[in-house]
Amino acid sequence: MADGEQTYDDARARLLEQMLVALAERIQALAAAGQLLERAPELMRLVGDIKSELFHYEVRITYDSPEVAENRRIVADAQREPEAGWDAPGWTPDPEERPEW
C-alpha cells in the first residue's frame, strides 16, 4: 500500500472537500440544464469516487504510519516474550545475590 493510502493528511482532506463541492456544483448545473437524470452514469462515477475517498477518510485513524506500525510491532513482540526475573520458570534465587532491603 502506498504511503498516501496509509495516512490521511490535511492536504488529502482538503482535496476531499473540493471533490464534494465539485459534485454539488455539478449536480446543480445539470439540474439547471434539465439533464440530471440523463447524466446519471457520470454522476454514478463521481459519487463512486467520492464514496471511496469518504471511506478512506472515515477509517483514517486505523491507518498507521510506518513509525507507529514499527512501535506496535515492538510492543507486541515484547508482550509475547516471557518476562525474565524473579518469576521466570526454573529460576531459583541465590541468597547471596539478593539485594539487602
Protein backbone atom coordinates (compact mmCIF):
# COMPACT_ATOMS: atom_id res chain seq x y z
CA MET A 1 0.00 0.00 0.00
CA ALA A 2 1.36 3.42 -0.91
CA ASP A 3 2.08 5.95 1.83
CA GLY A 4 -0.73 8.17 0.53
CA GLU A 5 -3.19 5.39 1.24
CA GLN A 6 -1.80 4.71 4.73
CA THR A 7 -2.24 8.19 6.11
CA TYR A 8 -4.82 10.89 5.68
CA ASP A 9 -3.16 14.28 5.98
CA ASP A 10 -4.65 17.78 5.79
CA ALA A 11 -3.92 18.12 2.06
CA ARG A 12 -5.87 14.95 1.31
CA ALA A 13 -8.76 16.14 3.50
CA ARG A 14 -8.87 19.46 1.60
CA LEU A 15 -8.96 17.52 -1.68
CA LEU A 16 -11.94 15.52 -0.42
CA GLU A 17 -13.74 18.74 0.49
CA GLN A 18 -13.08 20.06 -3.02
CA MET A 19 -14.43 16.84 -4.53
CA LEU A 20 -17.65 17.17 -2.53
CA VAL A 21 -18.11 20.81 -3.51
CA ALA A 22 -17.42 19.98 -7.18
CA LEU A 23 -20.04 17.21 -7.05
CA ALA A 24 -22.60 19.58 -5.55
CA GLU A 25 -21.85 22.19 -8.21
CA ARG A 26 -22.10 19.60 -10.99
CA ILE A 27 -25.46 18.39 -9.68
CA GLN A 28 -26.75 21.97 -9.57
CA ALA A 29 -25.51 22.68 -13.10
CA LEU A 30 -27.09 19.53 -14.50
CA ALA A 31 -30.34 20.25 -12.66
CA ALA A 32 -30.42 23.80 -14.06
CA ALA A 33 -29.87 22.43 -17.58
CA GLY A 34 -32.56 19.77 -17.09
CA GLN A 35 -30.01 16.98 -17.65
CA LEU A 36 -29.77 15.50 -14.18
CA LEU A 37 -31.17 12.07 -15.00
CA GLU A 38 -29.69 11.93 -18.48
CA ARG A 39 -26.22 12.26 -16.95
CA ALA A 40 -26.77 9.53 -14.35
CA PRO A 41 -23.70 7.47 -15.46
CA GLU A 42 -21.44 10.49 -14.95
CA LEU A 43 -22.94 11.16 -11.54
CA MET A 44 -22.60 7.49 -10.54
CA ARG A 45 -18.89 7.61 -11.38
CA LEU A 46 -18.38 10.82 -9.41
CA VAL A 47 -20.36 9.52 -6.45
CA GLY A 48 -18.35 6.27 -6.53
CA ASP A 49 -15.04 8.11 -6.47
CA ILE A 50 -16.18 10.29 -3.60
CA LYS A 51 -17.67 7.35 -1.71
CA SER A 52 -14.31 5.56 -1.86
CA GLU A 53 -12.46 8.63 -0.65
CA LEU A 54 -15.01 9.21 2.14
CA PHE A 55 -14.45 5.64 3.29
CA HIS A 56 -10.69 6.24 3.50
CA TYR A 57 -11.31 9.44 5.41
CA GLU A 58 -13.68 7.73 7.84
CA VAL A 59 -11.25 4.94 8.71
CA ARG A 60 -8.09 7.04 8.61
CA ILE A 61 -7.47 6.56 12.32
CA THR A 62 -6.91 2.86 11.77
CA TYR A 63 -4.01 3.52 9.41
CA ASP A 64 -0.58 3.59 10.98
CA SER A 65 2.42 5.49 9.77
CA PRO A 66 5.49 3.28 9.30
CA GLU A 67 6.88 4.58 12.61
CA VAL A 68 3.68 3.78 14.53
CA ALA A 69 3.47 0.34 12.92
CA GLU A 70 7.06 -0.40 13.99
CA ASN A 71 6.32 0.75 17.55
CA ARG A 72 3.25 -1.50 17.68
CA ARG A 73 5.34 -4.43 16.43
CA ILE A 74 7.99 -3.87 19.11
CA VAL A 75 5.37 -3.77 21.86
CA ALA A 76 3.62 -6.88 20.53
CA ASP A 77 6.95 -8.75 20.37
CA ALA A 78 7.77 -7.72 23.93
CA GLN A 79 4.38 -8.89 25.15
CA ARG A 80 4.87 -12.33 23.58
CA GLU A 81 8.27 -12.91 25.24
CA PRO A 82 8.25 -14.38 28.75
CA GLU A 83 9.47 -11.97 31.37
CA ALA A 84 12.82 -12.76 32.89
CA GLY A 85 13.42 -12.08 36.53
CA TRP A 86 12.04 -13.20 39.88
CA ASP A 87 9.10 -15.11 38.42
CA ALA A 88 10.88 -16.75 35.49
CA PRO A 89 10.20 -20.51 35.36
CA GLY A 90 13.07 -22.64 36.59
CA TRP A 91 14.82 -19.75 38.31
CA THR A 92 15.84 -20.12 41.91
CA PRO A 93 17.17 -17.07 43.70
CA ASP A 94 20.69 -17.28 45.10
CA PRO A 95 20.55 -15.93 48.66
CA GLU A 96 23.94 -14.30 48.20
CA GLU A 97 22.77 -12.38 45.11
CA ARG A 98 19.60 -11.00 46.68
CA PRO A 99 19.66 -7.31 47.46
CA GLU A 100 19.53 -6.37 51.12
CA TRP A 101 16.44 -4.32 51.92
